[in-house]
Amino acid sequence: MAGFGKRRVRDRASGPTTLIAAGCTFNGEVAGTSDILLSGTIIGDSRVDGVVTITDEGCWKGSLQARDVIVSGVVEGDVIASGHIEITATARISGTVTGDMIAVAAGAVIQGDMRITGQSGSAQSFSERRGELADSAEQAKKAS
């Protein structure tokens, strides 16, 4: 039941994480089962059975294939996820984005196609309500 009730990919990530720090560049194929946090640059293709997070400083040049993907930085190549893809406002993607569910924040730039492989087959919109829920809970506490 890991991940039950957790909507965001970042909330479901767990276990050891491989870090490629800002200022570091990795050339070659990336494969594995652990999560990856990229603040540097990777030049090459991947097959990762985990969550790949590209920070706003990160850059991936090549085909990125993973279970779940969060993009805040730059991707020059295709992004393919068997699960969810979150594209934040600072993301810049040049390539096809394919995933079971894709969430795109206002301000993100995608130059390429988007393909949703999930059962709904159509884009779903949502609004972030975490702040609203926390504010409501705080107000309820004060009223008691």
C-alpha atoms as a PDB file:
ATOM      1  CA  MET A   1       0.000   0.000   0.000  1.00  0.00           C
ATOM      2  CA  ALA A   2       2.986   2.287  -0.349  1.00  0.00           C
ATOM      3  CA  GLY A   3       1.949   5.423  -2.156  1.00  0.00           C
ATOM      4  CA  PHE A   4      -1.761   4.969  -1.345  1.00  0.00           C
ATOM      5  CA  GLY A   5      -3.471   8.329  -1.091  1.00  0.00           C
ATOM      6  CA  LYS A   6      -0.429  10.254  -2.259  1.00  0.00           C
ATOM      7  CA  ARG A   7      -1.162  12.189  -5.420  1.00  0.00           C
ATOM      8  CA  ARG A   8       2.211  13.768  -6.105  1.00  0.00           C
ATOM      9  CA  VAL A   9       5.174  11.742  -7.348  1.00  0.00           C
ATOM     10  CA  ARG A  10       7.477  13.541  -4.900  1.00  0.00           C
ATOM     11  CA  ASP A  11       5.333  12.270  -1.995  1.00  0.00           C
ATOM     12  CA  ARG A  12       5.585   8.643  -3.162  1.00  0.00           C
ATOM     13  CA  ALA A  13       9.381   8.561  -3.659  1.00  0.00           C
ATOM     14  CA  SER A  14      11.220   6.487  -1.067  1.00  0.00           C
ATOM     15  CA  GLY A  15      14.383   4.491  -0.549  1.00  0.00           C
ATOM     16  CA  PRO A  16      17.953   5.361  -1.513  1.00  0.00           C
ATOM     17  CA  THR A  17      18.510   8.137  -4.066  1.00  0.00           C
ATOM     18  CA  THR A  18      21.391   8.619  -6.487  1.00  0.00           C
ATOM     19  CA  LEU A  19      22.487  12.269  -6.628  1.00  0.00           C
ATOM     20  CA  ILE A  20      24.190  13.967  -9.564  1.00  0.00           C
ATOM     21  CA  ALA A  21      25.126  17.340  -8.072  1.00  0.00           C
ATOM     22  CA  ALA A  22      25.231  20.739  -9.781  1.00  0.00           C
ATOM     23  CA  GLY A  23      28.499  21.145 -11.658  1.00  0.00           C
ATOM     24  CA  CYS A  24      28.810  17.395 -12.344  1.00  0.00           C
ATOM     25  CA  THR A  25      28.335  15.795 -15.767  1.00  0.00           C
ATOM     26  CA  PHE A  26      27.682  12.106 -16.389  1.00  0.00           C
ATOM     27  CA  ASN A  27      28.116  10.662 -19.910  1.00  0.00           C
ATOM     28  CA  GLY A  28      26.628   7.260 -20.712  1.00  0.00           C
ATOM     29  CA  GLU A  29      23.647   4.998 -20.185  1.00  0.00           C
ATOM     30  CA  VAL A  30      21.864   5.136 -16.827  1.00  0.00           C
ATOM     31  CA  ALA A  31      20.042   2.027 -15.573  1.00  0.00           C
ATOM     32  CA  GLY A  32      18.867   0.908 -12.164  1.00  0.00           C
ATOM     33  CA  THR A  33      16.102   0.638  -9.610  1.00  0.00           C
ATOM     34  CA  SER A  34      16.869   3.533  -7.266  1.00  0.00           C
ATOM     35  CA  ASP A  35      15.537   7.075  -7.481  1.00  0.00           C
ATOM     36  CA  ILE A  36      17.707   9.739  -9.132  1.00  0.00           C
ATOM     37  CA  LEU A  37      18.004  13.417  -8.187  1.00  0.00           C
ATOM     38  CA  LEU A  38      19.670  15.395 -10.969  1.00  0.00           C
ATOM     39  CA  SER A  39      21.028  18.890 -10.366  1.00  0.00           C
ATOM     40  CA  GLY A  40      23.921  18.480 -12.813  1.00  0.00           C
ATOM     41  CA  THR A  41      23.927  17.131 -16.372  1.00  0.00           C
ATOM     42  CA  ILE A  42      23.391  13.652 -17.783  1.00  0.00           C
ATOM     43  CA  ILE A  43      24.199  13.013 -21.433  1.00  0.00           C
ATOM     44  CA  GLY A  44      22.795   9.633 -22.400  1.00  0.00           C
ATOM     45  CA  ASP A  45      19.730   7.415 -22.307  1.00  0.00           C
ATOM     46  CA  SER A  46      18.125   5.761 -19.299  1.00  0.00           C
ATOM     47  CA  ARG A  47      15.967   2.890 -18.099  1.00  0.00           C
ATOM     48  CA  VAL A  48      15.233   3.538 -14.440  1.00  0.00           C
ATOM     49  CA  ASP A  49      12.669   1.663 -12.355  1.00  0.00           C
ATOM     50  CA  GLY A  50      12.343   4.532  -9.911  1.00  0.00           C
ATOM     51  CA  VAL A  51      11.598   8.243  -9.688  1.00  0.00           C
ATOM     52  CA  VAL A  52      13.825  10.596 -11.682  1.00  0.00           C
ATOM     53  CA  THR A  53      13.738  14.190 -10.429  1.00  0.00           C
ATOM     54  CA  ILE A  54      15.405  16.902 -12.493  1.00  0.00           C
ATOM     55  CA  THR A  55      15.835  20.058 -10.417  1.00  0.00           C
ATOM     56  CA  ASP A  56      15.679  23.536 -11.923  1.00  0.00           C
ATOM     57  CA  GLU A  57      19.492  23.368 -12.242  1.00  0.00           C
ATOM     58  CA  GLY A  58      19.435  19.916 -13.888  1.00  0.00           C
ATOM     59  CA  CYS A  59      19.766  19.024 -17.565  1.00  0.00           C
ATOM     60  CA  TRP A  60      19.157  15.677 -19.280  1.00  0.00           C
ATOM     61  CA  LYS A  61      20.275  15.198 -22.893  1.00  0.00           C
ATOM     62  CA  GLY A  62      18.947  11.919 -24.246  1.00  0.00           C
ATOM     63  CA  SER A  63      15.984   9.610 -23.893  1.00  0.00           C
ATOM     64  CA  LEU A  64      14.724   9.526 -20.310  1.00  0.00           C
ATOM     65  CA  GLN A  65      12.720   6.386 -19.463  1.00  0.00           C
ATOM     66  CA  ALA A  66      11.620   5.838 -15.848  1.00  0.00           C
ATOM     67  CA  ARG A  67       8.724   4.744 -13.672  1.00  0.00           C
ATOM     68  CA  ASP A  68       7.892   8.334 -12.594  1.00  0.00           C
ATOM     69  CA  VAL A  69       9.486  11.635 -13.627  1.00  0.00           C
ATOM     70  CA  ILE A  70       9.522  15.151 -12.167  1.00  0.00           C
ATOM     71  CA  VAL A  71      10.979  17.844 -14.446  1.00  0.00           C
ATOM     72  CA  SER A  72      11.886  21.300 -13.165  1.00  0.00           C
ATOM     73  CA  GLY A  73      14.953  21.760 -15.377  1.00  0.00           C
ATOM     74  CA  VAL A  74      15.837  21.071 -19.012  1.00  0.00           C
ATOM     75  CA  VAL A  75      15.305  17.883 -21.027  1.00  0.00           C
ATOM     76  CA  GLU A  76      16.573  17.609 -24.599  1.00  0.00           C
ATOM     77  CA  GLY A  77      15.025  14.307 -25.657  1.00  0.00           C
ATOM     78  CA  ASP A  78      11.973  12.161 -25.069  1.00  0.00           C
ATOM     79  CA  VAL A  79      10.506  11.600 -21.588  1.00  0.00           C
ATOM     80  CA  ILE A  80       8.748   8.239 -21.164  1.00  0.00           C
ATOM     81  CA  ALA A  81       7.198   7.147 -17.863  1.00  0.00           C
ATOM     82  CA  SER A  82       5.251   3.999 -17.093  1.00  0.00           C
ATOM     83  CA  GLY A  83       3.646   6.012 -14.286  1.00  0.00           C
ATOM     84  CA  HIS A  84       3.269   9.726 -13.672  1.00  0.00           C
ATOM     85  CA  ILE A  85       5.073  12.776 -15.030  1.00  0.00           C
ATOM     86  CA  GLU A  86       5.068  16.133 -13.234  1.00  0.00           C
ATOM     87  CA  ILE A  87       6.295  19.124 -15.230  1.00  0.00           C
ATOM     88  CA  THR A  88       6.837  22.215 -13.093  1.00  0.00           C
ATOM     89  CA  ALA A  89       6.674  25.875 -14.110  1.00  0.00           C
ATOM     90  CA  THR A  90      10.464  26.113 -14.614  1.00  0.00           C
ATOM     91  CA  ALA A  91      10.700  23.054 -16.917  1.00  0.00           C
ATOM     92  CA  ARG A  92      11.871  23.246 -20.523  1.00  0.00           C
ATOM     93  CA  ILE A  93      11.418  20.068 -22.609  1.00  0.00           C
ATOM     94  CA  SER A  94      12.329  19.516 -26.273  1.00  0.00           C
ATOM     95  CA  GLY A  95      10.899  16.115 -27.190  1.00  0.00           C
ATOM     96  CA  THR A  96       7.902  13.847 -26.839  1.00  0.00           C
ATOM     97  CA  VAL A  97       6.438  13.405 -23.333  1.00  0.00           C
ATOM     98  CA  THR A  98       4.659  10.061 -22.751  1.00  0.00           C
ATOM     99  CA  GLY A  99       3.140   8.886 -19.465  1.00  0.00           C
ATOM    100  CA  ASP A 100       0.208   7.251 -17.732  1.00  0.00           C
ATOM    101  CA  MET A 101      -0.677  10.638 -16.214  1.00  0.00           C
ATOM    102  CA  ILE A 102       0.897  14.004 -17.021  1.00  0.00           C
ATOM    103  CA  ALA A 103       0.559  17.150 -14.902  1.00  0.00           C
ATOM    104  CA  VAL A 104       1.882  20.412 -16.351  1.00  0.00           C
ATOM    105  CA  ALA A 105       2.221  23.643 -14.379  1.00  0.00           C
ATOM    106  CA  ALA A 106       1.555  27.014 -15.964  1.00  0.00           C
ATOM    107  CA  GLY A 107       4.806  28.451 -17.284  1.00  0.00           C
ATOM    108  CA  ALA A 108       6.365  25.156 -18.415  1.00  0.00           C
ATOM    109  CA  VAL A 109       7.613  25.010 -22.003  1.00  0.00           C
ATOM    110  CA  ILE A 110       7.226  21.801 -24.010  1.00  0.00           C
ATOM    111  CA  GLN A 111       8.378  21.701 -27.617  1.00  0.00           C
ATOM    112  CA  GLY A 112       7.017  18.378 -28.808  1.00  0.00           C
ATOM    113  CA  ASP A 113       4.065  16.045 -28.473  1.00  0.00           C
ATOM    114  CA  MET A 114       2.382  14.848 -25.279  1.00  0.00           C
ATOM    115  CA  ARG A 115       0.911  11.335 -25.129  1.00  0.00           C
ATOM    116  CA  ILE A 116      -1.193  10.076 -22.245  1.00  0.00           C
ATOM    117  CA  THR A 117      -1.208   6.291 -21.999  1.00  0.00           C
ATOM    118  CA  GLY A 118      -3.577   6.032 -19.012  1.00  0.00           C
ATOM    119  CA  GLN A 119      -7.114   4.706 -19.214  1.00  0.00           C
ATOM    120  CA  SER A 120      -8.712   8.150 -19.405  1.00  0.00           C
ATOM    121  CA  GLY A 121      -6.655   8.999 -22.488  1.00  0.00           C
ATOM    122  CA  SER A 122      -7.248  12.709 -21.923  1.00  0.00           C
ATOM    123  CA  ALA A 123      -5.536  15.446 -19.982  1.00  0.00           C
ATOM    124  CA  GLN A 124      -6.805  16.072 -16.473  1.00  0.00           C
ATOM    125  CA  SER A 125      -6.618  19.482 -14.843  1.00  0.00           C
ATOM    126  CA  PHE A 126      -6.182  20.063 -11.130  1.00  0.00           C
ATOM    127  CA  SER A 127      -5.416  22.912  -8.804  1.00  0.00           C
ATOM    128  CA  GLU A 128      -2.966  22.649  -5.936  1.00  0.00           C
ATOM    129  CA  ARG A 129      -4.922  22.901  -2.690  1.00  0.00           C
ATOM    130  CA  ARG A 130      -2.345  21.953  -0.078  1.00  0.00           C
ATOM    131  CA  GLY A 131      -2.023  25.529   1.154  1.00  0.00           C
ATOM    132  CA  GLU A 132      -5.813  25.950   1.241  1.00  0.00           C
ATOM    133  CA  LEU A 133      -6.285  22.732   3.228  1.00  0.00           C
ATOM    134  CA  ALA A 134      -3.581  23.688   5.721  1.00  0.00           C
ATOM    135  CA  ASP A 135      -5.152  27.151   6.136  1.00  0.00           C
ATOM    136  CA  SER A 136      -8.600  25.581   6.676  1.00  0.00           C
ATOM    137  CA  ALA A 137      -7.224  23.199   9.315  1.00  0.00           C
ATOM    138  CA  GLU A 138      -5.489  26.066  11.116  1.00  0.00           C
ATOM    139  CA  GLN A 139      -8.671  28.155  11.098  1.00  0.00           C
ATOM    140  CA  ALA A 140     -10.672  25.211  12.478  1.00  0.00           C
ATOM    141  CA  LYS A 141      -8.158  24.814  15.328  1.00  0.00           C
ATOM    142  CA  LYS A 142      -8.415  28.486  16.249  1.00  0.00           C
ATOM    143  CA  ALA A 143     -12.244  28.349  16.210  1.00  0.00           C
ATOM    144  CA  SER A 144     -12.309  25.420  18.685  1.00  0.00           C
END
